[in-house]
Structure formats: structure tokens, C-alpha cells
Amino acid sequence: MDGVEIRDDRDAGRLEAVAGGEVLGRIEYFVLDDPAHALVPVHTVVEPAHEGKGIAGSLAREFYALAAREGTVVAPLCPYVVRWAARHPEEAPPADPDVLRAAKRWLAEHPERF
């Protein structure tokens, strides 16, 4: 992924893969505060012209790395991130079931967010 920058837009809840000023793909997420601080990915989107180039996997990897740098956990609700985490357990520790339940409740209570 030469020339692709991955950047976190925390205010918008997006981790974006950008090249030449164009967003090639993103993970949309929210931050959960209770029962624990967690980053919760909900959707992974790669623009059709850029599919098959490893962008989604790079975003998932950086999402977990970002959480690790911040000392927080990931509670994945996005099906792609769930599958990626299952294939990369050394980089993606499993989420606490209580945190996952809280993330699902938050999402159900905020349907307008995604």
C-alpha cells in the first residue's frame, strides 16, 4: 500500500486510508466508556475501485494497533473486523463479553449514528 496514509478522525469516528487526498476506505467506529473504555468498529468500507488491495486488512491492523497504543480494547461489531481478528489473534486480543454486550446496547440506542 505504497503512498497510502492511515489516519484517525476521532471526532468523526473514522479511521481512514487516504492517498492523493482521496479516501480509499474507512472503518467507522465509536468510543465506548462503560463498562470499560473501548473502541468499537461498526463498519468497514473500501471504495469499489480500491477493493482487493489489502486496504481493509491494513485498516483493521491499524485499528488494533491504535487501541494498543492507547491502552484500550477493541470490541468489534463489524463483521469484517471480527473475521480479521479471528485470523490474527496475536494482534487482536478477544473482547470481554460484557464490553461487547454494552457496545451492542449502545449501538441499538443510537441507530442514527450509523
C-alpha atoms as a PDB file:
ATOM      1  CA  MET A   1       0.000   0.000   0.000  1.00  0.00           C
ATOM      2  CA  ASP A   2       2.605   2.479  -1.078  1.00  0.00           C
ATOM      3  CA  GLY A   3       1.525   6.066  -0.703  1.00  0.00           C
ATOM      4  CA  VAL A   4      -1.453   5.241   1.500  1.00  0.00           C
ATOM      5  CA  GLU A   5      -1.719   7.031   4.826  1.00  0.00           C
ATOM      6  CA  ILE A   6      -3.977   5.754   7.577  1.00  0.00           C
ATOM      7  CA  ARG A   7      -5.329   8.499   9.787  1.00  0.00           C
ATOM      8  CA  ASP A   8      -7.704   8.612  12.725  1.00  0.00           C
ATOM      9  CA  ASP A   9     -10.518  11.145  12.661  1.00  0.00           C
ATOM     10  CA  ARG A  10     -11.684  10.549  16.220  1.00  0.00           C
ATOM     11  CA  ASP A  11     -14.271  13.336  16.174  1.00  0.00           C
ATOM     12  CA  ALA A  12     -15.996  11.768  13.166  1.00  0.00           C
ATOM     13  CA  GLY A  13     -15.399   8.184  14.340  1.00  0.00           C
ATOM     14  CA  ARG A  14     -13.486   7.146  11.243  1.00  0.00           C
ATOM     15  CA  LEU A  15     -10.139   5.509  10.648  1.00  0.00           C
ATOM     16  CA  GLU A  16      -9.370   6.355   7.026  1.00  0.00           C
ATOM     17  CA  ALA A  17      -6.967   5.093   4.374  1.00  0.00           C
ATOM     18  CA  VAL A  18      -6.070   8.106   2.237  1.00  0.00           C
ATOM     19  CA  ALA A  19      -3.951   8.541  -0.892  1.00  0.00           C
ATOM     20  CA  GLY A  20      -3.650  11.662  -3.000  1.00  0.00           C
ATOM     21  CA  GLY A  21      -6.351  13.382  -0.978  1.00  0.00           C
ATOM     22  CA  GLU A  22      -8.844  10.585  -1.724  1.00  0.00           C
ATOM     23  CA  VAL A  23     -10.353   8.365   0.981  1.00  0.00           C
ATOM     24  CA  LEU A  24      -9.880   4.821  -0.289  1.00  0.00           C
ATOM     25  CA  GLY A  25     -11.501   3.083   2.654  1.00  0.00           C
ATOM     26  CA  ARG A  26     -12.522   3.529   6.259  1.00  0.00           C
ATOM     27  CA  ILE A  27     -13.572   1.886   9.462  1.00  0.00           C
ATOM     28  CA  GLU A  28     -16.472   3.663  11.119  1.00  0.00           C
ATOM     29  CA  TYR A  29     -16.429   3.347  14.898  1.00  0.00           C
ATOM     30  CA  PHE A  30     -17.461   4.801  18.225  1.00  0.00           C
ATOM     31  CA  VAL A  31     -15.828   5.052  21.617  1.00  0.00           C
ATOM     32  CA  LEU A  32     -17.487   3.200  24.482  1.00  0.00           C
ATOM     33  CA  ASP A  33     -16.849   4.451  28.009  1.00  0.00           C
ATOM     34  CA  ASP A  34     -18.769   1.989  30.183  1.00  0.00           C
ATOM     35  CA  PRO A  35     -18.236  -0.702  31.447  1.00  0.00           C
ATOM     36  CA  ALA A  36     -14.751  -0.118  30.037  1.00  0.00           C
ATOM     37  CA  HIS A  37     -13.105   2.252  27.598  1.00  0.00           C
ATOM     38  CA  ALA A  38     -13.206   0.556  24.197  1.00  0.00           C
ATOM     39  CA  LEU A  39     -13.014   1.338  20.501  1.00  0.00           C
ATOM     40  CA  VAL A  40     -15.956  -0.244  18.693  1.00  0.00           C
ATOM     41  CA  PRO A  41     -15.689  -0.729  14.915  1.00  0.00           C
ATOM     42  CA  VAL A  42     -19.104  -0.970  13.273  1.00  0.00           C
ATOM     43  CA  HIS A  43     -18.486  -0.817   9.508  1.00  0.00           C
ATOM     44  CA  THR A  44     -15.541  -1.304   7.173  1.00  0.00           C
ATOM     45  CA  VAL A  45     -15.924   0.231   3.735  1.00  0.00           C
ATOM     46  CA  VAL A  46     -13.482   0.157   0.822  1.00  0.00           C
ATOM     47  CA  GLU A  47     -14.336   2.120  -2.298  1.00  0.00           C
ATOM     48  CA  PRO A  48     -15.037  -0.287  -5.191  1.00  0.00           C
ATOM     49  CA  ALA A  49     -12.111   0.963  -7.297  1.00  0.00           C
ATOM     50  CA  HIS A  50      -9.729   0.023  -4.464  1.00  0.00           C
ATOM     51  CA  GLU A  51     -11.062  -3.369  -3.398  1.00  0.00           C
ATOM     52  CA  GLY A  52      -8.660  -6.291  -3.333  1.00  0.00           C
ATOM     53  CA  LYS A  53      -5.611  -4.169  -2.490  1.00  0.00           C
ATOM     54  CA  GLY A  54      -5.336  -5.032   1.205  1.00  0.00           C
ATOM     55  CA  ILE A  55      -6.856  -1.770   2.404  1.00  0.00           C
ATOM     56  CA  ALA A  56      -9.457  -3.335   4.712  1.00  0.00           C
ATOM     57  CA  GLY A  57      -6.853  -5.564   6.344  1.00  0.00           C
ATOM     58  CA  SER A  58      -4.468  -2.654   6.805  1.00  0.00           C
ATOM     59  CA  LEU A  59      -7.243  -0.618   8.407  1.00  0.00           C
ATOM     60  CA  ALA A  60      -8.133  -3.462  10.788  1.00  0.00           C
ATOM     61  CA  ARG A  61      -4.477  -3.968  11.728  1.00  0.00           C
ATOM     62  CA  GLU A  62      -4.001  -0.257  12.406  1.00  0.00           C
ATOM     63  CA  PHE A  63      -7.263  -0.109  14.358  1.00  0.00           C
ATOM     64  CA  TYR A  64      -5.972  -2.745  16.794  1.00  0.00           C
ATOM     65  CA  ALA A  65      -2.545  -1.085  16.902  1.00  0.00           C
ATOM     66  CA  LEU A  66      -4.168   2.261  17.688  1.00  0.00           C
ATOM     67  CA  ALA A  67      -6.129   0.705  20.541  1.00  0.00           C
ATOM     68  CA  ALA A  68      -2.974  -0.946  21.877  1.00  0.00           C
ATOM     69  CA  ARG A  69      -1.063   2.350  21.784  1.00  0.00           C
ATOM     70  CA  GLU A  70      -3.891   3.965  23.735  1.00  0.00           C
ATOM     71  CA  GLY A  71      -4.049   1.099  26.224  1.00  0.00           C
ATOM     72  CA  THR A  72      -7.653   0.334  25.380  1.00  0.00           C
ATOM     73  CA  VAL A  73      -9.538  -2.631  23.960  1.00  0.00           C
ATOM     74  CA  VAL A  74     -11.407  -3.252  20.735  1.00  0.00           C
ATOM     75  CA  ALA A  75     -14.965  -4.554  20.866  1.00  0.00           C
ATOM     76  CA  PRO A  76     -15.632  -5.419  17.222  1.00  0.00           C
ATOM     77  CA  LEU A  77     -19.183  -5.336  15.891  1.00  0.00           C
ATOM     78  CA  CYS A  78     -18.121  -5.013  12.252  1.00  0.00           C
ATOM     79  CA  PRO A  79     -18.286  -8.459  10.603  1.00  0.00           C
ATOM     80  CA  TYR A  80     -15.091  -7.819   8.627  1.00  0.00           C
ATOM     81  CA  VAL A  81     -13.121  -6.813  11.726  1.00  0.00           C
ATOM     82  CA  VAL A  82     -14.491  -9.835  13.619  1.00  0.00           C
ATOM     83  CA  ARG A  83     -13.229 -12.155  10.848  1.00  0.00           C
ATOM     84  CA  TRP A  84      -9.883 -10.336  10.632  1.00  0.00           C
ATOM     85  CA  ALA A  85      -9.403 -10.608  14.396  1.00  0.00           C
ATOM     86  CA  ALA A  86     -10.134 -14.353  14.314  1.00  0.00           C
ATOM     87  CA  ARG A  87      -7.388 -14.774  11.680  1.00  0.00           C
ATOM     88  CA  HIS A  88      -4.893 -12.613  13.627  1.00  0.00           C
ATOM     89  CA  PRO A  89      -5.249 -13.489  17.322  1.00  0.00           C
ATOM     90  CA  GLU A  90      -1.663 -12.396  18.006  1.00  0.00           C
ATOM     91  CA  GLU A  91      -2.638  -8.827  17.038  1.00  0.00           C
ATOM     92  CA  ALA A  92      -6.284  -8.834  18.068  1.00  0.00           C
ATOM     93  CA  PRO A  93      -6.998  -9.902  21.643  1.00  0.00           C
ATOM     94  CA  PRO A  94     -10.544 -11.148  22.199  1.00  0.00           C
ATOM     95  CA  ALA A  95     -13.014  -8.655  23.606  1.00  0.00           C
ATOM     96  CA  ASP A  96     -14.595  -9.082  27.001  1.00  0.00           C
ATOM     97  CA  PRO A  97     -18.178 -10.373  26.535  1.00  0.00           C
ATOM     98  CA  ASP A  98     -19.530  -7.686  28.899  1.00  0.00           C
ATOM     99  CA  VAL A  99     -17.919  -4.966  26.804  1.00  0.00           C
ATOM    100  CA  LEU A 100     -19.337  -6.489  23.605  1.00  0.00           C
ATOM    101  CA  ARG A 101     -22.829  -6.577  25.133  1.00  0.00           C
ATOM    102  CA  ALA A 102     -22.503  -2.944  26.218  1.00  0.00           C
ATOM    103  CA  ALA A 103     -21.317  -1.978  22.710  1.00  0.00           C
ATOM    104  CA  LYS A 104     -24.339  -3.721  21.149  1.00  0.00           C
ATOM    105  CA  ARG A 105     -26.664  -1.912  23.582  1.00  0.00           C
ATOM    106  CA  TRP A 106     -25.054   1.439  22.764  1.00  0.00           C
ATOM    107  CA  LEU A 107     -25.459   0.820  19.043  1.00  0.00           C
ATOM    108  CA  ALA A 108     -29.122  -0.181  19.476  1.00  0.00           C
ATOM    109  CA  GLU A 109     -29.733   3.004  21.494  1.00  0.00           C
ATOM    110  CA  HIS A 110     -28.079   5.218  18.841  1.00  0.00           C
ATOM    111  CA  PRO A 111     -29.405   3.937  15.490  1.00  0.00           C
ATOM    112  CA  GLU A 112     -28.932   7.350  13.895  1.00  0.00           C
ATOM    113  CA  ARG A 113     -25.159   7.164  14.384  1.00  0.00           C
ATOM    114  CA  PHE A 114     -24.524   4.582  11.648  1.00  0.00           C
END
